Amino acid sequence: SGSVFLDDGSEIPFDAAAFDAGPLRLLRSGQRVNIIVAGE
């Protein structure tokens, strides 16, 4: 789990379910990512 910054500077947390939905094994601070947000 972790959090991301949107381009407007707001921060959104994500949980293991969001991470596990994609093909990733690891993320590093500063990486650009594509995300899907449903509601908040």
PDB file of all heavy atoms in Angstrom:
ATOM      1  N   SER A   1       0.838  -1.191   0.000  1.00  0.00           N
ATOM      2  CA  SER A   1       0.000   0.000   0.000  1.00  0.00           C
ATOM      3  C   SER A   1       0.877   1.245   0.000  1.00  0.00           C
ATOM      4  O   SER A   1       2.078   1.169   0.228  1.00  0.00           O
ATOM      5  CB  SER A   1      -0.917   0.002   1.225  1.00  0.00           C
ATOM      6  OG  SER A   1      -0.136   0.048   2.405  1.00  0.00           O
ATOM      7  N   GLY A   2       0.260   2.391  -0.267  1.00  0.00           N
ATOM      8  CA  GLY A   2       1.015   3.632  -0.292  1.00  0.00           C
ATOM      9  C   GLY A   2       0.119   4.790  -0.666  1.00  0.00           C
ATOM     10  O   GLY A   2      -1.086   4.770  -0.408  1.00  0.00           O
ATOM     11  N   SER A   3       0.719   5.781  -1.315  1.00  0.00           N
ATOM     12  CA  SER A   3      -0.050   6.939  -1.756  1.00  0.00           C
ATOM     13  C   SER A   3       0.589   7.540  -2.996  1.00  0.00           C
ATOM     14  O   SER A   3       1.768   7.310  -3.274  1.00  0.00           O
ATOM     15  CB  SER A   3      -0.148   7.989  -0.649  1.00  0.00           C
ATOM     16  OG  SER A   3       1.134   8.498  -0.346  1.00  0.00           O
ATOM     17  N   VAL A   4      -0.221   8.290  -3.726  1.00  0.00           N
ATOM     18  CA  VAL A   4       0.241   8.982  -4.931  1.00  0.00           C
ATOM     19  C   VAL A   4      -0.164  10.439  -4.864  1.00  0.00           C
ATOM     20  O   VAL A   4      -1.124  10.802  -4.170  1.00  0.00           O
ATOM     21  CB  VAL A   4      -0.325   8.347  -6.226  1.00  0.00           C
ATOM     22  CG1 VAL A   4       0.131   6.912  -6.379  1.00  0.00           C
ATOM     23  CG2 VAL A   4      -1.837   8.455  -6.280  1.00  0.00           C
ATOM     24  N   PHE A   5       0.593  11.275  -5.574  1.00  0.00           N
ATOM     25  CA  PHE A   5       0.229  12.671  -5.772  1.00  0.00           C
ATOM     26  C   PHE A   5      -0.382  12.809  -7.153  1.00  0.00           C
ATOM     27  O   PHE A   5       0.190  12.349  -8.143  1.00  0.00           O
ATOM     28  CB  PHE A   5       1.457  13.586  -5.739  1.00  0.00           C
ATOM     29  CG  PHE A   5       1.976  13.899  -4.377  1.00  0.00           C
ATOM     30  CD1 PHE A   5       3.313  13.711  -4.082  1.00  0.00           C
ATOM     31  CD2 PHE A   5       1.158  14.422  -3.393  1.00  0.00           C
ATOM     32  CE1 PHE A   5       3.814  14.019  -2.834  1.00  0.00           C
ATOM     33  CE2 PHE A   5       1.647  14.730  -2.135  1.00  0.00           C
ATOM     34  CZ  PHE A   5       2.985  14.525  -1.856  1.00  0.00           C
ATOM     35  N   LEU A   6      -1.549  13.448  -7.226  1.00  0.00           N
ATOM     36  CA  LEU A   6      -2.113  13.818  -8.518  1.00  0.00           C
ATOM     37  C   LEU A   6      -1.371  15.046  -9.017  1.00  0.00           C
ATOM     38  O   LEU A   6      -0.666  15.709  -8.260  1.00  0.00           O
ATOM     39  CB  LEU A   6      -3.604  14.118  -8.388  1.00  0.00           C
ATOM     40  CG  LEU A   6      -4.479  12.958  -7.902  1.00  0.00           C
ATOM     41  CD1 LEU A   6      -5.928  13.403  -7.828  1.00  0.00           C
ATOM     42  CD2 LEU A   6      -4.322  11.751  -8.798  1.00  0.00           C
ATOM     43  N   ASP A   7      -1.536  15.373 -10.280  1.00  0.00           N
ATOM     44  CA  ASP A   7      -0.843  16.523 -10.854  1.00  0.00           C
ATOM     45  C   ASP A   7      -1.267  17.842 -10.211  1.00  0.00           C
ATOM     46  O   ASP A   7      -0.519  18.809 -10.256  1.00  0.00           O
ATOM     47  CB  ASP A   7      -1.040  16.571 -12.370  1.00  0.00           C
ATOM     48  CG  ASP A   7      -0.300  15.432 -13.066  1.00  0.00           C
ATOM     49  OD1 ASP A   7       0.602  14.827 -12.453  1.00  0.00           O
ATOM     50  OD2 ASP A   7      -0.634  15.159 -14.229  1.00  0.00           O
ATOM     51  N   ASP A   8      -2.441  17.871  -9.577  1.00  0.00           N
ATOM     52  CA  ASP A   8      -2.878  19.096  -8.893  1.00  0.00           C
ATOM     53  C   ASP A   8      -2.325  19.191  -7.463  1.00  0.00           C
ATOM     54  O   ASP A   8      -2.639  20.117  -6.733  1.00  0.00           O
ATOM     55  CB  ASP A   8      -4.404  19.223  -8.896  1.00  0.00           C
ATOM     56  CG  ASP A   8      -5.102  18.176  -8.026  1.00  0.00           C
ATOM     57  OD1 ASP A   8      -4.427  17.361  -7.351  1.00  0.00           O
ATOM     58  OD2 ASP A   8      -6.349  18.166  -8.021  1.00  0.00           O
ATOM     59  N   GLY A   9      -1.521  18.186  -7.065  1.00  0.00           N
ATOM     60  CA  GLY A   9      -0.896  18.206  -5.741  1.00  0.00           C
ATOM     61  C   GLY A   9      -1.667  17.459  -4.673  1.00  0.00           C
ATOM     62  O   GLY A   9      -1.154  17.265  -3.571  1.00  0.00           O
ATOM     63  N   SER A  10      -2.884  17.023  -4.968  1.00  0.00           N
ATOM     64  CA  SER A  10      -3.636  16.289  -3.952  1.00  0.00           C
ATOM     65  C   SER A  10      -3.092  14.865  -3.844  1.00  0.00           C
ATOM     66  O   SER A  10      -2.556  14.299  -4.790  1.00  0.00           O
ATOM     67  CB  SER A  10      -5.130  16.290  -4.275  1.00  0.00           C
ATOM     68  OG  SER A  10      -5.378  15.742  -5.542  1.00  0.00           O
ATOM     69  N   GLU A  11      -3.229  14.313  -2.647  1.00  0.00           N
ATOM     70  CA  GLU A  11      -2.702  12.979  -2.355  1.00  0.00           C
ATOM     71  C   GLU A  11      -3.839  11.987  -2.213  1.00  0.00           C
ATOM     72  O   GLU A  11      -4.857  12.284  -1.594  1.00  0.00           O
ATOM     73  CB  GLU A  11      -1.899  13.026  -1.054  1.00  0.00           C
ATOM     74  CG  GLU A  11      -1.232  11.737  -0.698  1.00  0.00           C
ATOM     75  CD  GLU A  11      -0.420  11.818   0.589  1.00  0.00           C
ATOM     76  OE1 GLU A  11      -0.298  12.918   1.155  1.00  0.00           O
ATOM     77  OE2 GLU A  11       0.080  10.774   1.010  1.00  0.00           O
ATOM     78  N   ILE A  12      -3.659  10.799  -2.813  1.00  0.00           N
ATOM     79  CA  ILE A  12      -4.654   9.733  -2.709  1.00  0.00           C
ATOM     80  C   ILE A  12      -3.944   8.474  -2.217  1.00  0.00           C
ATOM     81  O   ILE A  12      -2.974   8.031  -2.835  1.00  0.00           O
ATOM     82  CB  ILE A  12      -5.325   9.436  -4.065  1.00  0.00           C
ATOM     83  CG1 ILE A  12      -6.054  10.658  -4.597  1.00  0.00           C
ATOM     84  CG2 ILE A  12      -6.293   8.261  -3.933  1.00  0.00           C
ATOM     85  CD1 ILE A  12      -6.698  10.433  -5.945  1.00  0.00           C
ATOM     86  N   PRO A  13      -4.432   7.881  -1.132  1.00  0.00           N
ATOM     87  CA  PRO A  13      -3.846   6.613  -0.671  1.00  0.00           C
ATOM     88  C   PRO A  13      -4.357   5.448  -1.519  1.00  0.00           C
ATOM     89  O   PRO A  13      -5.417   5.535  -2.145  1.00  0.00           O
ATOM     90  CB  PRO A  13      -4.348   6.502   0.768  1.00  0.00           C
ATOM     91  CG  PRO A  13      -5.622   7.259   0.779  1.00  0.00           C
ATOM     92  CD  PRO A  13      -5.470   8.363  -0.231  1.00  0.00           C
ATOM     93  N   PHE A  14      -3.595   4.358  -1.543  1.00  0.00           N
ATOM     94  CA  PHE A  14      -4.078   3.133  -2.177  1.00  0.00           C
ATOM     95  C   PHE A  14      -3.753   1.957  -1.276  1.00  0.00           C
ATOM     96  O   PHE A  14      -2.800   1.986  -0.506  1.00  0.00           O
ATOM     97  CB  PHE A  14      -3.497   2.937  -3.590  1.00  0.00           C
ATOM     98  CG  PHE A  14      -2.014   2.768  -3.662  1.00  0.00           C
ATOM     99  CD1 PHE A  14      -1.427   1.511  -3.581  1.00  0.00           C
ATOM    100  CD2 PHE A  14      -1.187   3.872  -3.835  1.00  0.00           C
ATOM    101  CE1 PHE A  14      -0.054   1.344  -3.661  1.00  0.00           C
ATOM    102  CE2 PHE A  14       0.193   3.723  -3.924  1.00  0.00           C
ATOM    103  CZ  PHE A  14       0.758   2.455  -3.840  1.00  0.00           C
ATOM    104  N   ASP A  15      -4.592   0.922  -1.388  1.00  0.00           N
ATOM    105  CA  ASP A  15      -4.405  -0.265  -0.563  1.00  0.00           C
ATOM    106  C   ASP A  15      -3.861  -1.420  -1.400  1.00  0.00           C
ATOM    107  O   ASP A  15      -3.632  -1.283  -2.606  1.00  0.00           O
ATOM    108  CB  ASP A  15      -5.713  -0.644   0.135  1.00  0.00           C
ATOM    109  CG  ASP A  15      -6.866  -0.883  -0.842  1.00  0.00           C
ATOM    110  OD1 ASP A  15      -6.613  -1.087  -2.044  1.00  0.00           O
ATOM    111  OD2 ASP A  15      -8.023  -0.860  -0.395  1.00  0.00           O
ATOM    112  N   ALA A  16      -3.666  -2.558  -0.749  1.00  0.00           N
ATOM    113  CA  ALA A  16      -3.107  -3.722  -1.429  1.00  0.00           C
ATOM    114  C   ALA A  16      -3.983  -4.184  -2.585  1.00  0.00           C
ATOM    115  O   ALA A  16      -3.471  -4.648  -3.610  1.00  0.00           O
ATOM    116  CB  ALA A  16      -2.899  -4.859  -0.436  1.00  0.00           C
ATOM    117  N   ALA A  17      -5.305  -4.056  -2.453  1.00  0.00           N
ATOM    118  CA  ALA A  17      -6.206  -4.486  -3.528  1.00  0.00           C
ATOM    119  C   ALA A  17      -5.950  -3.700  -4.805  1.00  0.00           C
ATOM    120  O   ALA A  17      -5.941  -4.269  -5.902  1.00  0.00           O
ATOM    121  CB  ALA A  17      -7.658  -4.342  -3.086  1.00  0.00           C
ATOM    122  N   ALA A  18      -5.720  -2.395  -4.697  1.00  0.00           N
ATOM    123  CA  ALA A  18      -5.435  -1.568  -5.876  1.00  0.00           C
ATOM    124  C   ALA A  18      -4.096  -1.950  -6.487  1.00  0.00           C
ATOM    125  O   ALA A  18      -3.949  -2.027  -7.705  1.00  0.00           O
ATOM    126  CB  ALA A  18      -5.453  -0.091  -5.502  1.00  0.00           C
ATOM    127  N   PHE A  19      -3.098  -2.203  -5.643  1.00  0.00           N
ATOM    128  CA  PHE A  19      -1.782  -2.596  -6.135  1.00  0.00           C
ATOM    129  C   PHE A  19      -1.859  -3.975  -6.796  1.00  0.00           C
ATOM    130  O   PHE A  19      -1.325  -4.184  -7.881  1.00  0.00           O
ATOM    131  CB  PHE A  19      -0.766  -2.609  -4.996  1.00  0.00           C
ATOM    132  CG  PHE A  19       0.614  -2.984  -5.430  1.00  0.00           C
ATOM    133  CD1 PHE A  19       1.423  -2.069  -6.084  1.00  0.00           C
ATOM    134  CD2 PHE A  19       1.109  -4.253  -5.206  1.00  0.00           C
ATOM    135  CE1 PHE A  19       2.702  -2.419  -6.511  1.00  0.00           C
ATOM    136  CE2 PHE A  19       2.388  -4.601  -5.617  1.00  0.00           C
ATOM    137  CZ  PHE A  19       3.182  -3.683  -6.267  1.00  0.00           C
ATOM    138  N   ASP A  20      -2.535  -4.916  -6.154  1.00  0.00           N
ATOM    139  CA  ASP A  20      -2.628  -6.287  -6.673  1.00  0.00           C
ATOM    140  C   ASP A  20      -3.462  -6.389  -7.946  1.00  0.00           C
ATOM    141  O   ASP A  20      -3.334  -7.358  -8.693  1.00  0.00           O
ATOM    142  CB  ASP A  20      -3.213  -7.218  -5.611  1.00  0.00           C
ATOM    143  CG  ASP A  20      -2.277  -7.408  -4.425  1.00  0.00           C
ATOM    144  OD1 ASP A  20      -1.075  -7.086  -4.541  1.00  0.00           O
ATOM    145  OD2 ASP A  20      -2.760  -7.859  -3.370  1.00  0.00           O
ATOM    146  N   ALA A  21      -4.311  -5.398  -8.222  1.00  0.00           N
ATOM    147  CA  ALA A  21      -5.129  -5.413  -9.435  1.00  0.00           C
ATOM    148  C   ALA A  21      -4.282  -5.258 -10.697  1.00  0.00           C
ATOM    149  O   ALA A  21      -4.678  -5.695 -11.774  1.00  0.00           O
ATOM    150  CB  ALA A  21      -6.181  -4.305  -9.377  1.00  0.00           C
ATOM    151  N   GLY A  22      -3.116  -4.659 -10.572  1.00  0.00           N
ATOM    152  CA  GLY A  22      -2.228  -4.450 -11.704  1.00  0.00           C
ATOM    153  C   GLY A  22      -1.106  -5.471 -11.752  1.00  0.00           C
ATOM    154  O   GLY A  22      -1.020  -6.350 -10.900  1.00  0.00           O
ATOM    155  N   PRO A  23      -0.209  -5.334 -12.728  1.00  0.00           N
ATOM    156  CA  PRO A  23       0.856  -6.320 -12.922  1.00  0.00           C
ATOM    157  C   PRO A  23       2.151  -6.020 -12.160  1.00  0.00           C
ATOM    158  O   PRO A  23       3.161  -6.657 -12.411  1.00  0.00           O
ATOM    159  CB  PRO A  23       1.112  -6.215 -14.436  1.00  0.00           C
ATOM    160  CG  PRO A  23       0.888  -4.759 -14.722  1.00  0.00           C
ATOM    161  CD  PRO A  23      -0.274  -4.371 -13.832  1.00  0.00           C
ATOM    162  N   LEU A  24       2.135  -5.079 -11.246  1.00  0.00           N
ATOM    163  CA  LEU A  24       3.376  -4.612 -10.626  1.00  0.00           C
ATOM    164  C   LEU A  24       3.850  -5.499  -9.487  1.00  0.00           C
ATOM    165  O   LEU A  24       3.067  -6.185  -8.844  1.00  0.00           O
ATOM    166  CB  LEU A  24       3.195  -3.186 -10.102  1.00  0.00           C
ATOM    167  CG  LEU A  24       2.742  -2.163 -11.138  1.00  0.00           C
ATOM    168  CD1 LEU A  24       2.600  -0.803 -10.475  1.00  0.00           C
ATOM    169  CD2 LEU A  24       3.737  -2.106 -12.284  1.00  0.00           C
ATOM    170  N   ARG A  25       5.166  -5.411  -9.234  1.00  0.00           N
ATOM    171  CA  ARG A  25       5.773  -6.098  -8.098  1.00  0.00           C
ATOM    172  C   ARG A  25       6.355  -5.119  -7.099  1.00  0.00           C
ATOM    173  O   ARG A  25       6.570  -5.457  -5.943  1.00  0.00           O
ATOM    174  CB  ARG A  25       6.875  -7.032  -8.572  1.00  0.00           C
ATOM    175  CG  ARG A  25       6.361  -8.151  -9.426  1.00  0.00           C
ATOM    176  CD  ARG A  25       7.461  -9.067  -9.809  1.00  0.00           C
ATOM    177  NE  ARG A  25       6.932 -10.121 -10.669  1.00  0.00           N
ATOM    178  CZ  ARG A  25       7.640 -11.112 -11.116  1.00  0.00           C
ATOM    179  NH1 ARG A  25       8.910 -11.192 -10.799  1.00  0.00           N
ATOM    180  NH2 ARG A  25       7.102 -12.013 -11.877  1.00  0.00           N
ATOM    181  N   LEU A  26       6.628  -3.881  -7.551  1.00  0.00           N
ATOM    182  CA  LEU A  26       7.282  -2.891  -6.708  1.00  0.00           C
ATOM    183  C   LEU A  26       7.047  -1.500  -7.282  1.00  0.00           C
ATOM    184  O   LEU A  26       6.877  -1.353  -8.488  1.00  0.00           O
ATOM    185  CB  LEU A  26       8.802  -3.169  -6.673  1.00  0.00           C
ATOM    186  CG  LEU A  26       9.653  -2.323  -5.754  1.00  0.00           C
ATOM    187  CD1 LEU A  26       9.317  -2.611  -4.298  1.00  0.00           C
ATOM    188  CD2 LEU A  26      11.124  -2.612  -6.003  1.00  0.00           C
ATOM    189  N   LEU A  27       7.035  -0.509  -6.418  1.00  0.00           N
ATOM    190  CA  LEU A  27       6.965   0.895  -6.835  1.00  0.00           C
ATOM    191  C   LEU A  27       8.038   1.671  -6.079  1.00  0.00           C
ATOM    192  O   LEU A  27       8.412   1.294  -4.974  1.00  0.00           O
ATOM    193  CB  LEU A  27       5.598   1.505  -6.497  1.00  0.00           C
ATOM    194  CG  LEU A  27       4.426   1.076  -7.355  1.00  0.00           C
ATOM    195  CD1 LEU A  27       3.122   1.580  -6.751  1.00  0.00           C
ATOM    196  CD2 LEU A  27       4.585   1.600  -8.775  1.00  0.00           C
ATOM    197  N   ARG A  28       8.505   2.757  -6.686  1.00  0.00           N
ATOM    198  CA  ARG A  28       9.475   3.643  -6.042  1.00  0.00           C
ATOM    199  C   ARG A  28       8.906   5.048  -5.994  1.00  0.00           C
ATOM    200  O   ARG A  28       8.197   5.477  -6.908  1.00  0.00           O
ATOM    201  CB  ARG A  28      10.788   3.672  -6.838  1.00  0.00           C
ATOM    202  CG  ARG A  28      11.566   2.381  -6.816  1.00  0.00           C
ATOM    203  CD  ARG A  28      12.911   2.504  -7.538  1.00  0.00           C
ATOM    204  NE  ARG A  28      12.902   3.313  -8.748  1.00  0.00           N
ATOM    205  CZ  ARG A  28      12.630   2.893  -9.969  1.00  0.00           C
ATOM    206  NH1 ARG A  28      12.311   1.630 -10.169  1.00  0.00           N
ATOM    207  NH2 ARG A  28      12.677   3.708 -10.996  1.00  0.00           N
ATOM    208  N   SER A  29       9.247   5.775  -4.944  1.00  0.00           N
ATOM    209  CA  SER A  29       8.830   7.175  -4.846  1.00  0.00           C
ATOM    210  C   SER A  29       9.311   7.922  -6.078  1.00  0.00           C
ATOM    211  O   SER A  29      10.434   7.715  -6.539  1.00  0.00           O
ATOM    212  CB  SER A  29       9.416   7.822  -3.597  1.00  0.00           C
ATOM    213  OG  SER A  29       8.858   7.252  -2.454  1.00  0.00           O
ATOM    214  N   GLY A  30       8.447   8.754  -6.631  1.00  0.00           N
ATOM    215  CA  GLY A  30       8.787   9.549  -7.807  1.00  0.00           C
ATOM    216  C   GLY A  30       8.403   8.921  -9.127  1.00  0.00           C
ATOM    217  O   GLY A  30       8.451   9.597 -10.158  1.00  0.00           O
ATOM    218  N   GLN A  31       8.030   7.638  -9.132  1.00  0.00           N
ATOM    219  CA  GLN A  31       7.629   6.996 -10.389  1.00  0.00           C
ATOM    220  C   GLN A  31       6.300   7.557 -10.879  1.00  0.00           C
ATOM    221  O   GLN A  31       5.403   7.829 -10.091  1.00  0.00           O
ATOM    222  CB  GLN A  31       7.459   5.481 -10.207  1.00  0.00           C
ATOM    223  CG  GLN A  31       8.711   4.700 -10.314  1.00  0.00           C
ATOM    224  CD  GLN A  31       8.429   3.211 -10.231  1.00  0.00           C
ATOM    225  OE1 GLN A  31       7.836   2.733  -9.274  1.00  0.00           O
ATOM    226  NE2 GLN A  31       8.862   2.476 -11.240  1.00  0.00           N
ATOM    227  N   ARG A  32       6.184   7.716 -12.196  1.00  0.00           N
ATOM    228  CA  ARG A  32       4.916   8.102 -12.809  1.00  0.00           C
ATOM    229  C   ARG A  32       4.088   6.838 -13.006  1.00  0.00           C
ATOM    230  O   ARG A  32       4.599   5.800 -13.447  1.00  0.00           O
ATOM    231  CB  ARG A  32       5.146   8.791 -14.151  1.00  0.00           C
ATOM    232  CG  ARG A  32       5.723  10.168 -14.036  1.00  0.00           C
ATOM    233  CD  ARG A  32       4.796  11.145 -13.359  1.00  0.00           C
ATOM    234  NE  ARG A  32       3.702  11.520 -14.258  1.00  0.00           N
ATOM    235  CZ  ARG A  32       2.686  12.296 -13.914  1.00  0.00           C
ATOM    236  NH1 ARG A  32       2.599  12.778 -12.696  1.00  0.00           N
ATOM    237  NH2 ARG A  32       1.753  12.591 -14.782  1.00  0.00           N
ATOM    238  N   VAL A  33       2.823   6.927 -12.673  1.00  0.00           N
ATOM    239  CA  VAL A  33       1.929   5.782 -12.770  1.00  0.00           C
ATOM    240  C   VAL A  33       0.610   6.198 -13.399  1.00  0.00           C
ATOM    241  O   VAL A  33       0.240   7.369 -13.391  1.00  0.00           O
ATOM    242  CB  VAL A  33       1.664   5.153 -11.379  1.00  0.00           C
ATOM    243  CG1 VAL A  33       2.902   4.460 -10.844  1.00  0.00           C
ATOM    244  CG2 VAL A  33       1.151   6.182 -10.385  1.00  0.00           C
ATOM    245  N   ASN A  34      -0.070   5.212 -13.971  1.00  0.00           N
ATOM    246  CA  ASN A  34      -1.451   5.368 -14.416  1.00  0.00           C
ATOM    247  C   ASN A  34      -2.332   4.804 -13.318  1.00  0.00           C
ATOM    248  O   ASN A  34      -2.012   3.758 -12.735  1.00  0.00           O
ATOM    249  CB  ASN A  34      -1.707   4.597 -15.707  1.00  0.00           C
ATOM    250  CG  ASN A  34      -1.144   5.284 -16.918  1.00  0.00           C
ATOM    251  OD1 ASN A  34      -0.995   6.498 -16.944  1.00  0.00           O
ATOM    252  ND2 ASN A  34      -0.825   4.512 -17.943  1.00  0.00           N
ATOM    253  N   ILE A  35      -3.439   5.479 -13.046  1.00  0.00           N
ATOM    254  CA  ILE A  35      -4.334   5.028 -11.990  1.00  0.00           C
ATOM    255  C   ILE A  35      -5.781   5.091 -12.456  1.00  0.00           C
ATOM    256  O   ILE A  35      -6.112   5.815 -13.395  1.00  0.00           O
ATOM    257  CB  ILE A  35      -4.185   5.870 -10.707  1.00  0.00           C
ATOM    258  CG1 ILE A  35      -4.505   7.344 -10.970  1.00  0.00           C
ATOM    259  CG2 ILE A  35      -2.798   5.702 -10.108  1.00  0.00           C
ATOM    260  CD1 ILE A  35      -4.556   8.204  -9.722  1.00  0.00           C
ATOM    261  N   ILE A  36      -6.614   4.310 -11.783  1.00  0.00           N
ATOM    262  CA  ILE A  36      -8.062   4.400 -11.938  1.00  0.00           C
ATOM    263  C   ILE A  36      -8.622   4.720 -10.563  1.00  0.00           C
ATOM    264  O   ILE A  36      -8.271   4.072  -9.573  1.00  0.00           O
ATOM    265  CB  ILE A  36      -8.662   3.088 -12.472  1.00  0.00           C
ATOM    266  CG1 ILE A  36      -8.150   2.798 -13.882  1.00  0.00           C
ATOM    267  CG2 ILE A  36     -10.191   3.162 -12.475  1.00  0.00           C
ATOM    268  CD1 ILE A  36      -8.591   1.462 -14.450  1.00  0.00           C
ATOM    269  N   VAL A  37      -9.464   5.733 -10.514  1.00  0.00           N
ATOM    270  CA  VAL A  37     -10.098   6.149  -9.268  1.00  0.00           C
ATOM    271  C   VAL A  37     -11.610   5.992  -9.424  1.00  0.00           C
ATOM    272  O   VAL A  37     -12.179   6.436 -10.417  1.00  0.00           O
ATOM    273  CB  VAL A  37      -9.747   7.617  -8.926  1.00  0.00           C
ATOM    274  CG1 VAL A  37     -10.459   8.069  -7.678  1.00  0.00           C
ATOM    275  CG2 VAL A  37      -8.244   7.787  -8.785  1.00  0.00           C
ATOM    276  N   ALA A  38     -12.227   5.340  -8.453  1.00  0.00           N
ATOM    277  CA  ALA A  38     -13.689   5.190  -8.428  1.00  0.00           C
ATOM    278  C   ALA A  38     -14.190   5.923  -7.188  1.00  0.00           C
ATOM    279  O   ALA A  38     -13.867   5.530  -6.075  1.00  0.00           O
ATOM    280  CB  ALA A  38     -14.081   3.725  -8.382  1.00  0.00           C
ATOM    281  N   GLY A  39     -14.913   6.989  -7.409  1.00  0.00           N
ATOM    282  CA  GLY A  39     -15.319   7.835  -6.287  1.00  0.00           C
ATOM    283  C   GLY A  39     -14.083   8.520  -5.732  1.00  0.00           C
ATOM    284  O   GLY A  39     -13.398   9.239  -6.437  1.00  0.00           O
ATOM    285  N   GLU A  40     -13.759   8.239  -4.496  1.00  0.00           N
ATOM    286  CA  GLU A  40     -12.549   8.795  -3.882  1.00  0.00           C
ATOM    287  C   GLU A  40     -11.501   7.722  -3.638  1.00  0.00           C
ATOM    288  O   GLU A  40     -10.482   7.980  -3.003  1.00  0.00           O
ATOM    289  CB  GLU A  40     -12.909   9.485  -2.567  1.00  0.00           C
ATOM    290  CG  GLU A  40     -13.791  10.697  -2.763  1.00  0.00           C
ATOM    291  CD  GLU A  40     -14.086  11.406  -1.457  1.00  0.00           C
ATOM    292  OE1 GLU A  40     -13.353  11.170  -0.470  1.00  0.00           O
ATOM    293  OE2 GLU A  40     -15.028  12.191  -1.426  1.00  0.00           O
TER     294      GLU A  40
END
